[in-house]
C-alpha cells in the first residue's frame, strides 16, 4: 500500500494495551487521517463522470469503476460533510446546503454544485 496520498496530512493512530499482557502487547484501535484536499487534481476530466451537475437531490457516477468504494464529500473549506459506501453509483446530496462541493472516491476528485 502506497502512503503517498497521505503526505502533508495529519495522522492519528490510537493504540490500546491488551489486558493481561503487562503492557508488553498492544493493538491499533483506530486510525484517523485528516488534512486538506487537493481539489484541482484532474478536475475537468473527472467532472464528466458525475451527473447531473448542478443537482438538487442525487449525484450519479457515470462509471461502475467506483462501485463498492468509500466516498467523502467535502465543503469548499475542506470539511467532510458526507461519507459513505458507493453501492449504487449515486450519492444523496439532498441534505446539503446550496453551493460547491468536492467528492473524493477511489483517489479521484469531482467538483459538484448543489442547487
Protein backbone atom coordinates (compact mmCIF):
# COMPACT_ATOMS: atom_id res chain seq x y z
CA UNK A 1 0.00 0.00 0.00
CA UNK A 2 1.40 3.38 -1.01
CA UNK A 3 1.28 6.12 1.61
CA UNK A 4 2.00 8.95 -0.86
CA UNK A 5 -1.58 10.23 -0.74
CA UNK A 6 -1.14 10.96 2.99
CA UNK A 7 1.89 13.26 2.55
CA UNK A 8 1.29 16.52 4.38
CA UNK A 9 -1.72 15.21 6.27
CA UNK A 10 -2.15 14.77 9.99
CA UNK A 11 -2.24 11.12 11.03
CA UNK A 12 -3.57 9.99 14.40
CA UNK A 13 -3.02 6.37 15.45
CA UNK A 14 -4.60 5.18 18.68
CA UNK A 15 -3.21 2.12 20.36
CA UNK A 16 -4.58 0.13 23.26
CA UNK A 17 -2.91 -2.38 25.50
CA UNK A 18 -4.07 -5.97 25.55
CA UNK A 19 -5.44 -6.79 29.01
CA UNK A 20 -3.24 -9.19 30.94
CA UNK A 21 -0.15 -8.56 28.83
CA UNK A 22 1.62 -6.36 31.43
CA UNK A 23 1.85 -3.59 28.83
CA UNK A 24 4.09 -5.57 26.51
CA UNK A 25 1.41 -6.13 23.82
CA UNK A 26 -0.86 -3.67 22.10
CA UNK A 27 -3.14 -3.36 19.11
CA UNK A 28 -4.12 -0.48 16.84
CA UNK A 29 -7.53 0.68 17.95
CA UNK A 30 -8.23 3.43 15.41
CA UNK A 31 -6.52 5.33 12.60
CA UNK A 32 -7.69 8.78 11.56
CA UNK A 33 -6.18 10.76 8.68
CA UNK A 34 -7.07 14.38 8.10
CA UNK A 35 -5.81 17.28 6.05
CA UNK A 36 -6.67 19.43 3.09
CA UNK A 37 -7.89 18.03 -0.19
CA UNK A 38 -6.12 18.89 -3.44
CA UNK A 39 -9.30 19.83 -5.29
CA UNK A 40 -7.72 20.80 -8.61
CA UNK A 41 -6.45 17.30 -9.50
CA UNK A 42 -7.78 16.44 -12.99
CA UNK A 43 -10.96 18.38 -12.26
CA UNK A 44 -12.12 18.90 -15.86
CA UNK A 45 -11.75 15.28 -17.00
CA UNK A 46 -13.28 13.78 -13.88
CA UNK A 47 -16.28 16.12 -13.74
CA UNK A 48 -17.71 14.39 -16.83
CA UNK A 49 -18.08 11.23 -14.70
CA UNK A 50 -20.77 12.71 -12.39
CA UNK A 51 -24.24 13.86 -13.38
CA UNK A 52 -26.44 15.85 -13.20
CA UNK A 53 -24.22 18.76 -12.26
CA UNK A 54 -25.60 21.00 -10.85
CA UNK A 55 -28.01 18.78 -8.92
CA UNK A 56 -30.79 19.10 -6.34
CA UNK A 57 -31.11 15.65 -4.79
CA UNK A 58 -28.87 12.90 -6.20
CA UNK A 59 -25.48 12.79 -7.93
CA UNK A 60 -24.79 9.73 -10.11
CA UNK A 61 -21.47 8.25 -11.22
CA UNK A 62 -21.17 7.53 -14.94
CA UNK A 63 -18.91 4.51 -14.35
CA UNK A 64 -19.15 1.22 -12.48
CA UNK A 65 -15.46 1.51 -11.61
CA UNK A 66 -16.44 3.38 -8.41
CA UNK A 67 -18.82 0.71 -7.07
CA UNK A 68 -18.01 -0.56 -3.57
CA UNK A 69 -15.57 2.31 -2.90
CA UNK A 70 -15.91 4.67 0.03
CA UNK A 71 -16.58 8.29 -0.84
CA UNK A 72 -16.28 11.58 1.02
CA UNK A 73 -17.97 14.85 0.13
CA UNK A 74 -16.03 17.97 1.15
CA UNK A 75 -17.13 21.57 1.50
CA UNK A 76 -15.00 24.22 -0.21
CA UNK A 77 -13.33 24.70 3.20
CA UNK A 78 -12.16 21.07 3.17
CA UNK A 79 -14.60 19.81 5.82
CA UNK A 80 -16.15 16.37 5.34
CA UNK A 81 -19.92 16.88 5.05
CA UNK A 82 -20.91 13.37 3.83
CA UNK A 83 -19.23 9.99 3.65
CA UNK A 84 -20.35 6.53 2.80
CA UNK A 85 -20.00 3.48 0.59
CA UNK A 86 -20.94 3.71 -3.09
CA UNK A 87 -23.28 0.74 -3.53
CA UNK A 88 -25.48 2.00 -6.38
CA UNK A 89 -23.45 4.68 -8.21
CA UNK A 90 -25.33 7.54 -6.55
CA UNK A 91 -24.98 9.90 -3.60
CA UNK A 92 -27.92 11.59 -1.90
CA UNK A 93 -26.97 15.27 -1.55
CA UNK A 94 -30.47 16.49 -0.63
CA UNK A 95 -29.34 17.39 2.90
CA UNK A 96 -26.55 19.70 1.75
CA UNK A 97 -26.87 23.47 1.53
CA UNK A 98 -26.64 25.00 -1.95
CA UNK A 99 -23.06 25.60 -3.09
CA UNK A 100 -19.91 23.95 -4.42
CA UNK A 101 -18.59 20.64 -3.07
CA UNK A 102 -15.91 18.10 -3.91
CA UNK A 103 -16.42 14.33 -3.94
CA UNK A 104 -13.42 12.06 -3.43
CA UNK A 105 -13.81 8.40 -4.42
CA UNK A 106 -11.12 5.92 -5.48
CA UNK A 107 -8.42 8.64 -5.45
CA UNK A 108 -10.46 10.75 -7.88
CA UNK A 109 -11.93 14.16 -7.11
CA UNK A 110 -15.10 15.58 -8.66
CA UNK A 111 -16.41 19.11 -8.30
CA UNK A 112 -20.20 19.33 -7.98
CA UNK A 113 -22.72 22.09 -7.48
CA UNK A 114 -25.72 21.61 -5.17
CA UNK A 115 -28.69 23.75 -6.30
